[in-house]
Amino acid sequence: MKDIYILGIESSCDETSCAIVKNGVSDISTIISSQIDIHKNYGGVVPEIASRHHVRNITIVIEECLGKANMTMEEIDAIAITYGPGLIGSLLVGLEAAKTLSFIYNKPLIPVHHIAGHIYANSLEKKMEFPLLALVVSGGHTELILMKDHYKFEKLGGTLDDAVGECYDKVARVIGLEYPGGPKIDQLACGGTPSYQLPVPLRDDSYNFSFSGLKSAVINLNHNLEQRKESINRENLAASFQKVAVESLILKTRKALIENNIRNLIVAGGVAASTGLREKIKDLQEELSLNVTIPSMKYCTDNATMIAAAGYYAYRLGRIADLSLNSKSNDKLN
């Protein structure tokens, strides 16, 4: 059977990325241009600045990706693009580049939902086995997705307010850590003990999550200590916060696995890089005898490799868009 080469483009936030993936599983070439050093000066991503840097970087990134793979556009079978969700200005830069390439080289254009990309990052590690449960944990999403086959997404539950990654970043800001704060919280937690009492949010019978209360609890704790002129132990607070956040994720994931009789679990999104979460997922794997897949660290955060991987399966299913495709800041996974 002929090998299928998908060129993927990702620009949903502050990463400009292009990748070429063979048959949905082999990373041939990946280039990522990050804007972290730019946005940390502002304490977070500034949408207008992000989109301007995408404009500057997109052509360079695509050319470097093709050069690294020693391939030409004529050898590419289709172009996969993140159309949403994300920052609309950033998304449009990547989309217009993908549409231009599709038009000039007469290549099929494949629309990829950003979260589908995170889920299919796992296909780069090993073959996805169905039915499976996907725990999606990122800066903008916290969801439990049931999949019975490729591109068959059933949302069991999601966050009612803040996403877990967003909560990590906000807690980091409260205790004076620079952007991006999530990884720094994880690092501090490894050297601390969970000595502060924080509430485990939304302990109910649903598959939903809530992290705004946990965020508020950390803010109030920090404020009260400041009022009493007491210093806060950042390592212990990070450990306390991460313990509760991860416990919430594990409780709902465990419930969904048992009640839906699922033995295949994948973890997706930037928070999948958390060592605290990975340790507890390993414990859950042993407890329930699960088949677990977590992407390599380089595929957890935003990248075009995952978009190209997801694009391969969409391409095989005939999910092709025309040049009227538009970006969406929010869109349901389907």
Protein backbone atom coordinates (compact mmCIF):
# COMPACT_ATOMS: atom_id res chain seq x y z
CA MET A 1 0.00 0.00 0.00
CA LYS A 2 1.26 3.49 -0.86
CA ASP A 3 2.64 5.52 2.03
CA ILE A 4 0.61 8.62 2.87
CA TYR A 5 2.46 11.80 3.79
CA ILE A 6 0.48 14.50 5.60
CA LEU A 7 1.84 18.00 6.12
CA GLY A 8 0.35 19.54 9.26
CA ILE A 9 0.22 23.18 10.33
CA GLU A 10 -0.55 24.35 13.88
CA SER A 11 -0.92 28.00 14.96
CA SER A 12 -3.79 28.01 17.47
CA CYS A 13 -1.96 29.90 20.22
CA ASP A 14 1.70 30.92 20.51
CA GLU A 15 3.46 28.05 18.71
CA THR A 16 4.04 28.23 14.96
CA SER A 17 4.60 24.65 13.86
CA CYS A 18 4.79 22.53 10.72
CA ALA A 19 5.28 18.77 10.54
CA ILE A 20 5.26 15.89 8.06
CA VAL A 21 3.91 12.55 9.29
CA LYS A 22 3.90 9.27 7.36
CA ASN A 23 0.88 6.98 7.67
CA GLY A 24 -0.29 8.72 10.84
CA VAL A 25 2.45 7.19 12.98
CA SER A 26 5.92 8.26 11.82
CA ASP A 27 7.28 11.74 12.55
CA ILE A 28 9.34 12.56 9.46
CA SER A 29 9.97 16.21 10.26
CA THR A 30 8.75 18.67 12.91
CA ILE A 31 9.60 22.34 13.30
CA ILE A 32 8.27 24.48 16.16
CA SER A 33 8.84 28.19 16.62
CA SER A 34 7.88 29.11 20.19
CA GLN A 35 6.91 32.55 21.48
CA ILE A 36 7.30 31.76 25.19
CA ASP A 37 10.17 34.19 25.72
CA ILE A 38 8.09 36.97 24.15
CA HIS A 39 4.87 36.43 26.10
CA LYS A 40 6.45 35.79 29.51
CA ASN A 41 7.17 39.53 29.62
CA TYR A 42 3.39 40.05 29.76
CA GLY A 43 2.54 37.19 32.13
CA GLY A 44 0.58 35.34 29.44
CA VAL A 45 -0.20 35.17 25.73
CA VAL A 46 -1.15 38.48 24.11
CA PRO A 47 -3.33 37.50 21.11
CA GLU A 48 -2.37 40.39 18.79
CA ILE A 49 1.35 39.88 19.42
CA ALA A 50 0.96 36.14 18.88
CA SER A 51 -0.73 36.54 15.50
CA ARG A 52 1.92 39.02 14.30
CA HIS A 53 4.70 36.58 15.12
CA HIS A 54 2.84 33.78 13.34
CA VAL A 55 2.82 35.97 10.22
CA ARG A 56 6.59 36.42 10.50
CA ASN A 57 7.32 32.75 11.18
CA ILE A 58 4.86 30.68 9.15
CA THR A 59 6.69 30.63 5.80
CA ILE A 60 10.06 30.02 7.44
CA VAL A 61 8.69 27.13 9.51
CA ILE A 62 7.08 25.43 6.49
CA GLU A 63 10.26 25.75 4.42
CA GLU A 64 12.41 24.41 7.26
CA CYS A 65 10.06 21.45 7.74
CA LEU A 66 10.21 20.46 4.07
CA GLY A 67 13.98 20.96 4.03
CA LYS A 68 14.50 18.83 7.12
CA ALA A 69 12.45 16.04 5.52
CA ASN A 70 14.23 16.52 2.18
CA MET A 71 10.81 16.58 0.52
CA THR A 72 8.89 18.85 -1.84
CA MET A 73 5.22 19.78 -1.79
CA GLU A 74 4.70 17.51 -4.79
CA GLU A 75 5.47 14.55 -2.51
CA ILE A 76 2.87 15.58 0.07
CA ASP A 77 -0.52 13.84 -0.19
CA ALA A 78 -2.63 16.28 1.85
CA ILE A 79 -2.44 19.30 4.15
CA ALA A 80 -3.89 19.14 7.67
CA ILE A 81 -4.64 22.40 9.44
CA THR A 82 -5.84 23.36 12.91
CA TYR A 83 -8.99 25.35 12.16
CA GLY A 84 -10.00 25.71 15.84
CA PRO A 85 -10.49 26.16 18.66
CA GLY A 86 -7.92 28.77 19.64
CA LEU A 87 -7.01 32.43 19.24
CA ILE A 88 -8.82 33.52 16.10
CA GLY A 89 -6.04 35.76 14.79
CA SER A 90 -3.44 33.04 15.28
CA LEU A 91 -5.64 30.38 13.70
CA LEU A 92 -6.24 32.50 10.61
CA VAL A 93 -2.53 32.82 9.87
CA GLY A 94 -2.03 29.05 9.75
CA LEU A 95 -5.29 28.49 7.88
CA GLU A 96 -4.47 30.99 5.13
CA ALA A 97 -1.04 29.40 4.67
CA ALA A 98 -2.62 25.93 4.43
CA LYS A 99 -5.29 27.11 1.98
CA THR A 100 -2.66 28.78 -0.19
CA LEU A 101 -0.59 25.60 -0.36
CA SER A 102 -3.71 23.55 -1.04
CA PHE A 103 -4.68 25.83 -3.94
CA ILE A 104 -1.23 26.17 -5.51
CA TYR A 105 -0.27 22.49 -5.32
CA ASN A 106 -3.80 21.05 -5.69
CA LYS A 107 -3.61 19.13 -2.41
CA PRO A 108 -6.61 18.09 -0.27
CA LEU A 109 -7.23 20.35 2.75
CA ILE A 110 -8.01 18.50 5.97
CA PRO A 111 -9.64 20.41 8.87
CA VAL A 112 -8.41 19.22 12.27
CA HIS A 113 -9.91 20.14 15.63
CA HIS A 114 -7.13 21.11 18.04
CA ILE A 115 -8.26 18.61 20.68
CA ALA A 116 -8.45 15.81 18.11
CA GLY A 117 -4.80 16.63 17.46
CA HIS A 118 -3.91 16.23 21.13
CA ILE A 119 -5.77 12.91 21.24
CA TYR A 120 -4.06 11.58 18.10
CA ALA A 121 -0.63 12.52 19.42
CA ASN A 122 -0.97 9.14 21.12
CA SER A 123 -1.00 7.39 17.75
CA LEU A 124 2.61 8.49 17.35
CA GLU A 125 3.47 6.31 20.35
CA LYS A 126 1.52 3.16 19.57
CA LYS A 127 -1.59 1.93 17.82
CA MET A 128 -4.80 3.24 19.37
CA GLU A 129 -7.04 0.43 20.60
CA PHE A 130 -10.81 0.88 20.90
CA PRO A 131 -12.95 1.46 22.81
CA LEU A 132 -10.83 3.96 24.70
CA LEU A 133 -11.20 6.82 27.12
CA ALA A 134 -9.26 10.01 26.46
CA LEU A 135 -8.48 12.30 29.38
CA VAL A 136 -7.85 15.69 27.74
CA VAL A 137 -5.99 18.09 30.02
CA SER A 138 -4.72 21.38 28.62
CA GLY A 139 -4.73 25.12 29.15
CA GLY A 140 -8.16 25.48 27.58
CA HIS A 141 -9.76 22.04 28.01
CA THR A 142 -10.44 19.39 30.63
CA GLU A 143 -12.61 16.64 29.17
CA LEU A 144 -13.32 12.93 29.22
CA ILE A 145 -13.89 11.64 25.67
CA LEU A 146 -15.11 8.15 24.84
CA MET A 147 -13.99 6.79 21.46
CA LYS A 148 -15.30 3.55 19.95
CA ASP A 149 -13.46 4.03 16.65
CA HIS A 150 -11.38 6.61 14.80
CA TYR A 151 -13.02 10.03 14.80
CA LYS A 152 -15.95 8.82 16.89
CA PHE A 153 -15.91 11.28 19.80
CA GLU A 154 -18.43 11.14 22.65
CA LYS A 155 -17.93 13.72 25.38
CA LEU A 156 -18.73 12.18 28.77
CA GLY A 157 -17.89 15.25 30.79
CA GLY A 158 -15.85 18.42 30.90
CA THR A 159 -14.91 21.38 33.04
CA LEU A 160 -17.72 23.67 34.16
CA ASP A 161 -15.37 26.64 34.51
CA ASP A 162 -11.56 26.81 34.45
CA ALA A 163 -9.54 24.20 32.59
CA VAL A 164 -6.93 22.44 34.69
CA GLY A 165 -4.02 23.93 32.74
CA GLU A 166 -5.48 27.41 33.13
CA CYS A 167 -5.77 26.77 36.87
CA TYR A 168 -2.10 25.73 37.03
CA ASP A 169 -1.07 28.99 35.34
CA LYS A 170 -3.26 31.15 37.58
CA VAL A 171 -1.98 29.50 40.76
CA ALA A 172 1.58 30.01 39.50
CA ARG A 173 0.87 33.70 39.01
CA VAL A 174 -0.51 34.00 42.55
CA ILE A 175 2.75 32.75 44.05
CA GLY A 176 4.93 34.85 41.77
CA LEU A 177 6.05 32.41 39.09
CA GLU A 178 6.61 33.70 35.55
CA TYR A 179 4.68 32.46 32.51
CA PRO A 180 4.30 29.65 31.61
CA GLY A 181 3.58 28.72 35.20
CA GLY A 182 2.21 25.18 34.84
CA PRO A 183 5.55 23.41 34.36
CA LYS A 184 7.06 25.46 37.18
CA ILE A 185 4.29 24.38 39.57
CA ASP A 186 5.01 20.77 38.62
CA GLN A 187 8.74 21.25 39.29
CA LEU A 188 8.15 22.91 42.66
CA ALA A 189 5.67 20.22 43.67
CA CYS A 190 8.35 17.55 43.26
CA GLY A 191 10.35 19.21 46.04
CA GLY A 192 7.47 19.95 48.42
CA THR A 193 5.01 18.19 50.69
CA PRO A 194 1.22 18.72 50.52
CA SER A 195 0.98 20.47 53.91
CA TYR A 196 -1.77 22.99 53.02
CA GLN A 197 -5.40 21.91 53.18
CA LEU A 198 -7.25 22.58 49.93
CA PRO A 199 -10.71 21.33 48.88
CA VAL A 200 -11.15 18.64 46.23
CA PRO A 201 -13.70 20.24 43.86
CA LEU A 202 -16.94 18.75 42.52
CA ARG A 203 -16.98 15.37 44.23
CA ASP A 204 -20.27 14.30 42.67
CA ASP A 205 -21.64 11.51 40.45
CA SER A 206 -21.01 13.32 37.17
CA TYR A 207 -18.03 13.12 34.83
CA ASN A 208 -17.60 16.89 35.01
CA PHE A 209 -14.76 18.90 36.52
CA SER A 210 -14.50 22.26 38.26
CA PHE A 211 -11.30 24.09 39.15
CA SER A 212 -12.42 27.66 39.90
CA GLY A 213 -13.03 26.80 43.56
CA LEU A 214 -9.56 25.30 43.91
CA LYS A 215 -8.03 28.39 42.30
CA SER A 216 -9.99 30.63 44.70
CA ALA A 217 -8.90 28.55 47.67
CA VAL A 218 -5.25 29.07 46.77
CA ILE A 219 -5.80 32.81 46.29
CA ASN A 220 -7.55 33.08 49.67
CA LEU A 221 -4.89 31.02 51.42
CA ASN A 222 -2.13 33.20 50.00
CA HIS A 223 -4.02 36.39 50.92
CA ASN A 224 -4.66 35.25 54.50
CA LEU A 225 -1.01 34.36 55.02
CA GLU A 226 0.03 37.76 53.68
CA GLN A 227 -2.42 39.48 56.05
CA ARG A 228 -0.86 37.64 58.97
CA LYS A 229 2.64 38.51 57.72
CA GLU A 230 3.41 34.82 57.33
CA SER A 231 5.59 33.58 54.50
CA ILE A 232 4.27 30.90 52.18
CA ASN A 233 6.25 27.80 51.35
CA ARG A 234 5.94 27.75 47.56
CA GLU A 235 7.11 24.15 47.21
CA ASN A 236 4.54 22.92 49.72
CA LEU A 237 1.76 25.02 48.21
CA ALA A 238 2.59 23.71 44.74
CA ALA A 239 2.58 20.14 46.09
CA SER A 240 -0.74 20.76 47.89
CA PHE A 241 -2.37 22.26 44.81
CA GLN A 242 -1.12 19.57 42.44
CA LYS A 243 -2.19 16.78 44.79
CA VAL A 244 -5.79 18.06 44.80
CA ALA A 245 -5.90 18.90 41.08
CA VAL A 246 -4.59 15.47 40.11
CA GLU A 247 -6.85 13.73 42.61
CA SER A 248 -9.85 15.39 40.97
CA LEU A 249 -8.73 14.23 37.52
CA ILE A 250 -8.09 10.68 38.70
CA LEU A 251 -11.39 10.37 40.58
CA LYS A 252 -13.49 11.21 37.52
CA THR A 253 -11.30 9.23 35.13
CA ARG A 254 -11.47 6.15 37.35
CA LYS A 255 -15.26 6.47 37.57
CA ALA A 256 -15.63 6.77 33.78
CA LEU A 257 -13.37 3.78 33.12
CA ILE A 258 -15.21 1.51 35.55
CA GLU A 259 -18.76 2.54 34.67
CA ASN A 260 -18.15 2.29 30.92
CA ASN A 261 -16.07 -0.90 31.19
CA ILE A 262 -13.09 0.65 29.39
CA ARG A 263 -9.58 -0.76 29.65
CA ASN A 264 -7.79 1.54 27.19
CA LEU A 265 -6.82 4.97 28.49
CA ILE A 266 -4.97 7.76 26.72
CA VAL A 267 -3.95 11.12 28.19
CA ALA A 268 -3.73 14.19 25.97
CA GLY A 269 -2.82 17.86 26.24
CA GLY A 270 -0.15 19.99 27.85
CA VAL A 271 -0.89 18.90 31.42
CA ALA A 272 -0.13 15.32 30.32
CA ALA A 273 3.50 16.40 30.76
CA SER A 274 2.96 16.77 34.53
CA THR A 275 5.05 14.28 36.48
CA GLY A 276 2.47 14.37 39.27
CA LEU A 277 -0.32 13.32 36.91
CA ARG A 278 1.83 10.71 35.19
CA GLU A 279 2.63 9.06 38.53
CA LYS A 280 -1.04 8.81 39.50
CA ILE A 281 -2.01 7.55 36.04
CA LYS A 282 0.56 4.79 36.52
CA ASP A 283 -1.04 3.88 39.85
CA LEU A 284 -4.47 3.80 38.18
CA GLN A 285 -3.05 1.61 35.42
CA GLU A 286 -1.85 -0.94 37.95
CA GLU A 287 -5.08 -0.79 39.97
CA LEU A 288 -7.40 -1.40 36.99
CA SER A 289 -5.00 -3.33 34.70
CA LEU A 290 -5.26 -0.68 32.02
CA ASN A 291 -3.61 -0.26 28.64
CA VAL A 292 -2.33 3.32 29.01
CA THR A 293 -0.74 5.63 26.46
CA ILE A 294 0.70 9.08 27.23
CA PRO A 295 2.49 11.08 24.54
CA SER A 296 6.19 11.82 24.78
CA MET A 297 6.87 15.18 26.41
CA LYS A 298 7.55 16.79 23.01
CA TYR A 299 4.07 15.83 21.78
CA CYS A 300 2.14 17.00 24.87
CA THR A 301 2.30 20.72 24.16
CA ASP A 302 1.05 22.30 20.93
CA ASN A 303 2.77 20.95 17.81
CA ALA A 304 1.94 20.22 14.18
CA THR A 305 2.97 16.58 14.44
CA MET A 306 -0.22 15.75 16.29
CA ILE A 307 -2.25 17.71 13.72
CA ALA A 308 -0.69 15.77 10.85
CA ALA A 309 -1.28 12.48 12.71
CA ALA A 310 -4.96 13.31 13.27
CA GLY A 311 -5.14 14.55 9.69
CA TYR A 312 -4.07 11.16 8.35
CA TYR A 313 -7.07 9.40 9.92
CA ALA A 314 -9.41 12.20 8.82
CA TYR A 315 -8.01 11.91 5.29
CA ARG A 316 -8.62 8.15 5.24
CA LEU A 317 -12.22 8.84 6.27
CA GLY A 318 -12.68 11.43 3.51
CA ARG A 319 -12.95 14.43 5.83
CA ILE A 320 -11.85 17.00 3.27
CA ALA A 321 -12.65 20.73 3.29
CA ASP A 322 -12.84 23.23 0.44
CA LEU A 323 -11.26 26.68 0.37
CA SER A 324 -14.24 28.23 2.15
CA LEU A 325 -13.01 26.64 5.41
CA ASN A 326 -12.85 29.24 8.17
CA SER A 327 -11.28 29.36 11.61
CA LYS A 328 -13.36 29.00 14.78
CA SER A 329 -12.34 30.23 18.21
CA ASN A 330 -14.71 27.65 19.70
CA ASP A 331 -16.04 24.48 18.16
CA LYS A 332 -17.43 21.14 19.28
CA LEU A 333 -15.24 18.09 18.81
CA ASN A 334 -16.88 15.84 16.22
